[in-house]
Amino acid sequence: MGKGSRTFYKDFIEDEKQFYLHESGFNEREKELFNLRAYEGKTLWEASEIMGYSPRTMDRINRRMKEKILKAKPMYYKGISAKYN
């Protein structure tokens, strides 16, 4: 679990967090992990303990989640999250 992934979520502004949470097609585990990483600043290790999964499983979930974010990224524009409120 690399250090680069920690800042990947931490650097999102609120607008981006809302967009990715709603538009990336996350399953329930991915949504929970996204909330832990983006809103609570948890590491994968901390999230694995909270969610009750092995670090290896969390790494797989995290990779799938990042792939979905990168796929949705071209649709993002600043201010889009207003439609979710």
C-alpha atoms as a PDB file:
ATOM      1  CA  MET A   1       0.000   0.000   0.000  1.00  0.00           C
ATOM      2  CA  GLY A   2       1.846   3.030  -1.279  1.00  0.00           C
ATOM      3  CA  LYS A   3       1.966   6.476   0.212  1.00  0.00           C
ATOM      4  CA  GLY A   4       0.826   8.049  -3.066  1.00  0.00           C
ATOM      5  CA  SER A   5      -2.693   6.676  -2.697  1.00  0.00           C
ATOM      6  CA  ARG A   6      -3.207   8.505   0.605  1.00  0.00           C
ATOM      7  CA  THR A   7      -2.889  11.916  -1.025  1.00  0.00           C
ATOM      8  CA  PHE A   8      -4.970  10.790  -4.013  1.00  0.00           C
ATOM      9  CA  TYR A   9      -8.167  11.102  -1.946  1.00  0.00           C
ATOM     10  CA  LYS A  10      -6.989  13.740   0.515  1.00  0.00           C
ATOM     11  CA  ASP A  11      -6.447  16.277  -2.282  1.00  0.00           C
ATOM     12  CA  PHE A  12     -10.028  16.156  -3.587  1.00  0.00           C
ATOM     13  CA  ILE A  13     -12.139  19.253  -2.974  1.00  0.00           C
ATOM     14  CA  GLU A  14     -15.660  18.704  -1.618  1.00  0.00           C
ATOM     15  CA  ASP A  15     -17.168  19.116  -5.082  1.00  0.00           C
ATOM     16  CA  GLU A  16     -14.997  16.281  -6.429  1.00  0.00           C
ATOM     17  CA  LYS A  17     -15.778  14.030  -3.464  1.00  0.00           C
ATOM     18  CA  GLN A  18     -19.518  14.423  -4.035  1.00  0.00           C
ATOM     19  CA  PHE A  19     -19.163  13.868  -7.782  1.00  0.00           C
ATOM     20  CA  TYR A  20     -17.091  10.688  -7.455  1.00  0.00           C
ATOM     21  CA  LEU A  21     -19.295   9.344  -4.682  1.00  0.00           C
ATOM     22  CA  HIS A  22     -22.375   9.691  -6.901  1.00  0.00           C
ATOM     23  CA  GLU A  23     -21.042   9.141 -10.415  1.00  0.00           C
ATOM     24  CA  SER A  24     -18.293   6.523 -10.197  1.00  0.00           C
ATOM     25  CA  GLY A  25     -20.596   3.534  -9.777  1.00  0.00           C
ATOM     26  CA  PHE A  26     -19.145   2.427  -6.442  1.00  0.00           C
ATOM     27  CA  ASN A  27     -20.524  -0.667  -4.760  1.00  0.00           C
ATOM     28  CA  GLU A  28     -21.254  -0.509  -1.019  1.00  0.00           C
ATOM     29  CA  ARG A  29     -17.728  -1.538   0.042  1.00  0.00           C
ATOM     30  CA  GLU A  30     -16.185   1.033  -2.290  1.00  0.00           C
ATOM     31  CA  LYS A  31     -18.494   3.755  -0.958  1.00  0.00           C
ATOM     32  CA  GLU A  32     -17.531   2.929   2.611  1.00  0.00           C
ATOM     33  CA  LEU A  33     -13.831   2.909   1.732  1.00  0.00           C
ATOM     34  CA  PHE A  34     -14.140   6.176  -0.207  1.00  0.00           C
ATOM     35  CA  ASN A  35     -15.776   7.847   2.799  1.00  0.00           C
ATOM     36  CA  LEU A  36     -13.074   6.569   5.134  1.00  0.00           C
ATOM     37  CA  ARG A  37     -10.275   7.689   2.803  1.00  0.00           C
ATOM     38  CA  ALA A  38     -11.664  10.975   1.449  1.00  0.00           C
ATOM     39  CA  TYR A  39     -13.576  12.302   4.453  1.00  0.00           C
ATOM     40  CA  GLU A  40     -11.835  10.752   7.441  1.00  0.00           C
ATOM     41  CA  GLY A  41      -8.306  10.591   6.011  1.00  0.00           C
ATOM     42  CA  LYS A  42      -7.831   6.929   6.953  1.00  0.00           C
ATOM     43  CA  THR A  43      -5.007   4.872   5.504  1.00  0.00           C
ATOM     44  CA  LEU A  44      -5.775   1.566   3.793  1.00  0.00           C
ATOM     45  CA  TRP A  45      -4.453  -0.208   6.873  1.00  0.00           C
ATOM     46  CA  GLU A  46      -6.788   1.753   9.177  1.00  0.00           C
ATOM     47  CA  ALA A  47      -9.714   1.232   6.800  1.00  0.00           C
ATOM     48  CA  SER A  48      -9.055  -2.521   6.650  1.00  0.00           C
ATOM     49  CA  GLU A  49      -9.259  -2.709  10.443  1.00  0.00           C
ATOM     50  CA  ILE A  50     -12.464  -0.633  10.550  1.00  0.00           C
ATOM     51  CA  MET A  51     -14.148  -2.557   7.736  1.00  0.00           C
ATOM     52  CA  GLY A  52     -12.900  -5.973   8.844  1.00  0.00           C
ATOM     53  CA  TYR A  53     -11.079  -6.946   5.642  1.00  0.00           C
ATOM     54  CA  SER A  54      -7.493  -8.013   5.110  1.00  0.00           C
ATOM     55  CA  PRO A  55      -5.071  -5.379   3.813  1.00  0.00           C
ATOM     56  CA  ARG A  56      -4.777  -7.369   0.573  1.00  0.00           C
ATOM     57  CA  THR A  57      -8.555  -7.288   0.041  1.00  0.00           C
ATOM     58  CA  MET A  58      -8.598  -3.570   0.798  1.00  0.00           C
ATOM     59  CA  ASP A  59      -5.857  -3.008  -1.749  1.00  0.00           C
ATOM     60  CA  ARG A  60      -7.994  -4.746  -4.410  1.00  0.00           C
ATOM     61  CA  ILE A  61     -11.072  -2.709  -3.453  1.00  0.00           C
ATOM     62  CA  ASN A  62      -8.980   0.472  -3.522  1.00  0.00           C
ATOM     63  CA  ARG A  63      -7.571  -0.319  -6.977  1.00  0.00           C
ATOM     64  CA  ARG A  64     -11.061  -0.949  -8.416  1.00  0.00           C
ATOM     65  CA  MET A  65     -12.303   2.249  -6.803  1.00  0.00           C
ATOM     66  CA  LYS A  66      -9.439   4.274  -8.314  1.00  0.00           C
ATOM     67  CA  GLU A  67     -10.143   2.776 -11.754  1.00  0.00           C
ATOM     68  CA  LYS A  68     -13.780   3.884 -11.474  1.00  0.00           C
ATOM     69  CA  ILE A  69     -12.714   7.380 -10.382  1.00  0.00           C
ATOM     70  CA  LEU A  70     -10.317   7.707 -13.303  1.00  0.00           C
ATOM     71  CA  LYS A  71     -13.036   6.509 -15.695  1.00  0.00           C
ATOM     72  CA  ALA A  72     -15.519   9.107 -14.355  1.00  0.00           C
ATOM     73  CA  LYS A  73     -12.962  11.920 -14.189  1.00  0.00           C
ATOM     74  CA  PRO A  74     -13.524  13.241 -17.754  1.00  0.00           C
ATOM     75  CA  MET A  75     -17.188  13.947 -16.847  1.00  0.00           C
ATOM     76  CA  TYR A  76     -16.265  16.134 -13.864  1.00  0.00           C
ATOM     77  CA  TYR A  77     -16.564  19.911 -13.961  1.00  0.00           C
ATOM     78  CA  LYS A  78     -16.392  22.354 -11.054  1.00  0.00           C
ATOM     79  CA  GLY A  79     -19.792  22.970  -9.511  1.00  0.00           C
ATOM     80  CA  ILE A  80     -21.381  19.715 -10.700  1.00  0.00           C
ATOM     81  CA  SER A  81     -22.023  18.520  -7.142  1.00  0.00           C
ATOM     82  CA  ALA A  82     -24.773  21.151  -6.737  1.00  0.00           C
ATOM     83  CA  LYS A  83     -27.121  18.704  -8.425  1.00  0.00           C
ATOM     84  CA  TYR A  84     -26.649  16.234  -5.534  1.00  0.00           C
ATOM     85  CA  ASN A  85     -27.769  18.628  -2.790  1.00  0.00           C
END
